[in-house]
PDB file of N, CA and C in Angstrom:
ATOM      1  N   TRP A   1       8.121 -16.568   6.368  1.00  0.00           N
ATOM      2  CA  TRP A   1       9.193 -15.713   6.792  1.00  0.00           C
ATOM      3  C   TRP A   1       9.148 -14.383   6.074  1.00  0.00           C
ATOM      4  N   PHE A   2       8.807 -14.412   4.793  1.00  0.00           N
ATOM      5  CA  PHE A   2       8.789 -13.173   4.020  1.00  0.00           C
ATOM      6  C   PHE A   2       7.705 -12.233   4.523  1.00  0.00           C
ATOM      7  N   ARG A   3       6.547 -12.767   4.869  1.00  0.00           N
ATOM      8  CA  ARG A   3       5.442 -11.924   5.348  1.00  0.00           C
ATOM      9  C   ARG A   3       5.762 -11.270   6.688  1.00  0.00           C
ATOM     10  N   ASN A   4       6.650 -11.861   7.456  1.00  0.00           N
ATOM     11  CA  ASN A   4       7.017 -11.304   8.754  1.00  0.00           C
ATOM     12  C   ASN A   4       8.232 -10.391   8.673  1.00  0.00           C
ATOM     13  N   ASP A   5       8.636 -10.015   7.470  1.00  0.00           N
ATOM     14  CA  ASP A   5       9.782  -9.116   7.243  1.00  0.00           C
ATOM     15  C   ASP A   5      11.059  -9.634   7.890  1.00  0.00           C
ATOM     16  N   ILE A   6      11.343 -10.900   7.696  1.00  0.00           N
ATOM     17  CA  ILE A   6      12.557 -11.493   8.251  1.00  0.00           C
ATOM     18  C   ILE A   6      13.637 -11.460   7.186  1.00  0.00           C
ATOM     19  N   GLU A   7      14.746 -10.828   7.525  1.00  0.00           N
ATOM     20  CA  GLU A   7      15.880 -10.728   6.620  1.00  0.00           C
ATOM     21  C   GLU A   7      16.594 -12.077   6.538  1.00  0.00           C
ATOM     22  N   PRO A   8      17.222 -12.389   5.410  1.00  0.00           N
ATOM     23  CA  PRO A   8      17.939 -13.662   5.290  1.00  0.00           C
ATOM     24  C   PRO A   8      19.089 -13.814   6.286  1.00  0.00           C
ATOM     25  N   GLU A   9      19.719 -12.714   6.682  1.00  0.00           N
ATOM     26  CA  GLU A   9      20.845 -12.806   7.611  1.00  0.00           C
ATOM     27  C   GLU A   9      20.406 -13.208   9.018  1.00  0.00           C
ATOM     28  N   SER A  10      19.161 -12.934   9.373  1.00  0.00           N
ATOM     29  CA  SER A  10      18.712 -13.216  10.734  1.00  0.00           C
ATOM     30  C   SER A  10      18.137 -14.618  10.900  1.00  0.00           C
ATOM     31  N   ILE A  11      18.079 -15.407   9.847  1.00  0.00           N
ATOM     32  CA  ILE A  11      17.537 -16.766   9.957  1.00  0.00           C
ATOM     33  C   ILE A  11      18.435 -17.642  10.813  1.00  0.00           C
ATOM     34  N   TYR A  12      19.749 -17.429  10.730  1.00  0.00           N
ATOM     35  CA  TYR A  12      20.675 -18.247  11.523  1.00  0.00           C
ATOM     36  C   TYR A  12      20.337 -18.176  13.007  1.00  0.00           C
ATOM     37  N   THR A  13      20.148 -16.971  13.516  1.00  0.00           N
ATOM     38  CA  THR A  13      19.938 -16.820  14.953  1.00  0.00           C
ATOM     39  C   THR A  13      18.493 -17.030  15.374  1.00  0.00           C
ATOM     40  N   LYS A  14      17.528 -16.626  14.547  1.00  0.00           N
ATOM     41  CA  LYS A  14      16.124 -16.722  14.953  1.00  0.00           C
ATOM     42  C   LYS A  14      15.549 -18.124  14.843  1.00  0.00           C
ATOM     43  N   PHE A  15      15.862 -18.824  13.762  1.00  0.00           N
ATOM     44  CA  PHE A  15      15.221 -20.112  13.522  1.00  0.00           C
ATOM     45  C   PHE A  15      16.161 -21.300  13.664  1.00  0.00           C
ATOM     46  N   LEU A  16      17.388 -21.140  13.192  1.00  0.00           N
ATOM     47  CA  LEU A  16      18.317 -22.267  13.222  1.00  0.00           C
ATOM     48  C   LEU A  16      19.113 -22.331  14.520  1.00  0.00           C
ATOM     49  N   LYS A  17      19.100 -21.259  15.296  1.00  0.00           N
ATOM     50  CA  LYS A  17      19.765 -21.174  16.603  1.00  0.00           C
ATOM     51  C   LYS A  17      21.258 -21.483  16.534  1.00  0.00           C
ATOM     52  N   VAL A  18      21.920 -21.005  15.482  1.00  0.00           N
ATOM     53  CA  VAL A  18      23.369 -21.147  15.346  1.00  0.00           C
ATOM     54  C   VAL A  18      23.942 -19.819  14.863  1.00  0.00           C
ATOM     55  N   ASP A  19      25.247 -19.663  15.044  1.00  0.00           N
ATOM     56  CA  ASP A  19      25.929 -18.510  14.476  1.00  0.00           C
ATOM     57  C   ASP A  19      26.194 -18.773  13.000  1.00  0.00           C
ATOM     58  N   ALA A  20      26.357 -17.721  12.240  1.00  0.00           N
ATOM     59  CA  ALA A  20      26.627 -17.886  10.809  1.00  0.00           C
ATOM     60  C   ALA A  20      27.967 -18.577  10.582  1.00  0.00           C
ATOM     61  N   ALA A  21      28.918 -18.354  11.496  1.00  0.00           N
ATOM     62  CA  ALA A  21      30.239 -18.961  11.340  1.00  0.00           C
ATOM     63  C   ALA A  21      30.227 -20.459  11.627  1.00  0.00           C
ATOM     64  N   SER A  22      29.341 -20.913  12.508  1.00  0.00           N
ATOM     65  CA  SER A  22      29.329 -22.331  12.878  1.00  0.00           C
ATOM     66  C   SER A  22      28.174 -23.100  12.240  1.00  0.00           C
ATOM     67  N   ALA A  23      27.597 -22.576  11.188  1.00  0.00           N
ATOM     68  CA  ALA A  23      26.465 -23.231  10.531  1.00  0.00           C
ATOM     69  C   ALA A  23      26.941 -24.419   9.710  1.00  0.00           C
ATOM     70  N   GLY A  24      26.109 -25.453   9.682  1.00  0.00           N
ATOM     71  CA  GLY A  24      26.418 -26.640   8.900  1.00  0.00           C
ATOM     72  C   GLY A  24      25.997 -26.470   7.449  1.00  0.00           C
ATOM     73  N   ALA A  25      26.215 -27.510   6.671  1.00  0.00           N
ATOM     74  CA  ALA A  25      25.902 -27.448   5.239  1.00  0.00           C
ATOM     75  C   ALA A  25      24.400 -27.305   4.999  1.00  0.00           C
ATOM     76  N   LEU A  26      23.587 -27.994   5.786  1.00  0.00           N
ATOM     77  CA  LEU A  26      22.135 -27.903   5.617  1.00  0.00           C
ATOM     78  C   LEU A  26      21.627 -26.517   6.001  1.00  0.00           C
ATOM     79  N   ASP A  27      22.179 -25.946   7.072  1.00  0.00           N
ATOM     80  CA  ASP A  27      21.792 -24.597   7.482  1.00  0.00           C
ATOM     81  C   ASP A  27      22.125 -23.577   6.396  1.00  0.00           C
ATOM     82  N   ILE A  28      23.295 -23.708   5.816  1.00  0.00           N
ATOM     83  CA  ILE A  28      23.718 -22.788   4.762  1.00  0.00           C
ATOM     84  C   ILE A  28      22.830 -22.946   3.534  1.00  0.00           C
ATOM     85  N   ALA A  29      22.441 -24.181   3.222  1.00  0.00           N
ATOM     86  CA  ALA A  29      21.571 -24.417   2.068  1.00  0.00           C
ATOM     87  C   ALA A  29      20.199 -23.779   2.271  1.00  0.00           C
ATOM     88  N   VAL A  30      19.664 -23.864   3.483  1.00  0.00           N
ATOM     89  CA  VAL A  30      18.360 -23.255   3.778  1.00  0.00           C
ATOM     90  C   VAL A  30      18.437 -21.745   3.618  1.00  0.00           C
ATOM     91  N   VAL A  31      19.466 -21.142   4.161  1.00  0.00           N
ATOM     92  CA  VAL A  31      19.607 -19.686   4.087  1.00  0.00           C
ATOM     93  C   VAL A  31      19.860 -19.241   2.647  1.00  0.00           C
ATOM     94  N   THR A  32      20.624 -19.998   1.900  1.00  0.00           N
ATOM     95  CA  THR A  32      20.890 -19.654   0.502  1.00  0.00           C
ATOM     96  C   THR A  32      19.614 -19.691  -0.321  1.00  0.00           C
ATOM     97  N   ARG A  33      18.809 -20.712  -0.095  1.00  0.00           N
ATOM     98  CA  ARG A  33      17.557 -20.823  -0.855  1.00  0.00           C
ATOM     99  C   ARG A  33      16.583 -19.702  -0.479  1.00  0.00           C
ATOM    100  N   TYR A  34      16.487 -19.381   0.805  1.00  0.00           N
ATOM    101  CA  TYR A  34      15.607 -18.292   1.219  1.00  0.00           C
ATOM    102  C   TYR A  34      16.129 -16.949   0.707  1.00  0.00           C
ATOM    103  N   THR A  35      17.437 -16.785   0.657  1.00  0.00           N
ATOM    104  CA  THR A  35      18.008 -15.536   0.166  1.00  0.00           C
ATOM    105  C   THR A  35      17.650 -15.309  -1.296  1.00  0.00           C
ATOM    106  N   SER A  36      17.715 -16.357  -2.107  1.00  0.00           N
ATOM    107  CA  SER A  36      17.347 -16.193  -3.515  1.00  0.00           C
ATOM    108  C   SER A  36      15.855 -15.882  -3.654  1.00  0.00           C
ATOM    109  N   TYR A  37      15.013 -16.529  -2.852  1.00  0.00           N
ATOM    110  CA  TYR A  37      13.573 -16.246  -2.862  1.00  0.00           C
ATOM    111  C   TYR A  37      13.313 -14.807  -2.416  1.00  0.00           C
ATOM    112  N   TYR A  38      13.983 -14.382  -1.362  1.00  0.00           N
ATOM    113  CA  TYR A  38      13.809 -13.042  -0.808  1.00  0.00           C
ATOM    114  C   TYR A  38      14.219 -11.981  -1.831  1.00  0.00           C
ATOM    115  N   ASN A  39      15.338 -12.217  -2.508  1.00  0.00           N
ATOM    116  CA  ASN A  39      15.811 -11.245  -3.495  1.00  0.00           C
ATOM    117  C   ASN A  39      14.860 -11.150  -4.684  1.00  0.00           C
ATOM    118  N   LYS A  40      14.266 -12.270  -5.095  1.00  0.00           N
ATOM    119  CA  LYS A  40      13.301 -12.237  -6.196  1.00  0.00           C
ATOM    120  C   LYS A  40      12.044 -11.472  -5.796  1.00  0.00           C
ATOM    121  N   LYS A  41      11.585 -11.648  -4.564  1.00  0.00           N
ATOM    122  CA  LYS A  41      10.378 -10.961  -4.108  1.00  0.00           C
ATOM    123  C   LYS A  41      10.612  -9.461  -3.914  1.00  0.00           C
ATOM    124  N   MET A  42      11.816  -9.081  -3.515  1.00  0.00           N
ATOM    125  CA  MET A  42      12.118  -7.682  -3.251  1.00  0.00           C
ATOM    126  C   MET A  42      12.511  -6.916  -4.515  1.00  0.00           C
ATOM    127  N   ALA A  43      12.749  -7.603  -5.610  1.00  0.00           N
ATOM    128  CA  ALA A  43      13.139  -6.941  -6.856  1.00  0.00           C
ATOM    129  C   ALA A  43      11.953  -6.152  -7.407  1.00  0.00           C
ATOM    130  N   PRO A  44      12.237  -5.053  -8.063  1.00  0.00           N
ATOM    131  CA  PRO A  44      11.133  -4.289  -8.654  1.00  0.00           C
ATOM    132  C   PRO A  44      10.492  -5.085  -9.786  1.00  0.00           C
ATOM    133  N   PRO A  45       9.235  -4.827 -10.066  1.00  0.00           N
ATOM    134  CA  PRO A  45       8.566  -5.567 -11.145  1.00  0.00           C
ATOM    135  C   PRO A  45       9.170  -5.204 -12.502  1.00  0.00           C
ATOM    136  N   PRO A  46       9.129  -6.123 -13.442  1.00  0.00           N
ATOM    137  CA  PRO A  46       9.693  -5.815 -14.762  1.00  0.00           C
ATOM    138  C   PRO A  46       8.861  -4.757 -15.483  1.00  0.00           C
ATOM    139  N   VAL A  47       9.548  -3.934 -16.223  1.00  0.00           N
ATOM    140  CA  VAL A  47       8.894  -2.871 -16.982  1.00  0.00           C
ATOM    141  C   VAL A  47       8.973  -3.249 -18.458  1.00  0.00           C
ATOM    142  N   PHE A  48       7.837  -3.310 -19.102  1.00  0.00           N
ATOM    143  CA  PHE A  48       7.787  -3.660 -20.510  1.00  0.00           C
ATOM    144  C   PHE A  48       7.644  -2.391 -21.340  1.00  0.00           C
ATOM    145  N   THR A  49       8.487  -2.243 -22.323  1.00  0.00           N
ATOM    146  CA  THR A  49       8.398  -1.105 -23.231  1.00  0.00           C
ATOM    147  C   THR A  49       8.122  -1.628 -24.634  1.00  0.00           C
ATOM    148  N   PHE A  50       7.361  -0.864 -25.384  1.00  0.00           N
ATOM    149  CA  PHE A  50       7.015  -1.241 -26.744  1.00  0.00           C
ATOM    150  C   PHE A  50       7.715  -0.294 -27.708  1.00  0.00           C
ATOM    151  N   ASN A  51       8.504  -0.857 -28.589  1.00  0.00           N
ATOM    152  CA  ASN A  51       9.187  -0.033 -29.582  1.00  0.00           C
ATOM    153  C   ASN A  51       8.323   0.196 -30.815  1.00  0.00           C
ATOM    154  N   ASP A  52       7.463  -0.759 -31.145  1.00  0.00           N
ATOM    155  CA  ASP A  52       6.568  -0.638 -32.291  1.00  0.00           C
ATOM    156  C   ASP A  52       5.124  -0.744 -31.821  1.00  0.00           C
ATOM    157  N   PRO A  53       4.530   0.352 -31.400  1.00  0.00           N
ATOM    158  CA  PRO A  53       3.137   0.262 -30.957  1.00  0.00           C
ATOM    159  C   PRO A  53       2.201   0.046 -32.140  1.00  0.00           C
ATOM    160  N   ARG A  54       1.114  -0.627 -31.904  1.00  0.00           N
ATOM    161  CA  ARG A  54       0.110  -0.828 -32.950  1.00  0.00           C
ATOM    162  C   ARG A  54      -0.676   0.458 -33.170  1.00  0.00           C
ATOM    163  N   ARG A  55      -1.164   0.602 -34.373  1.00  0.00           N
ATOM    164  CA  ARG A  55      -1.983   1.783 -34.662  1.00  0.00           C
ATOM    165  C   ARG A  55      -3.377   1.399 -34.926  1.00  0.00           C
TER     166      ARG A  55
END
């Protein structure tokens, strides 16, 4: 799903074939898990700074 640029909000209609308002507990769990995965992948990479560089 991530490679096809599918937003977490569109999973209800594209794959689960339900509205967000009428989704069951399993549907909500799937979307919640994909949303956390999607947010981690879309986050910028961590930046490491060195306060004491070696000489």
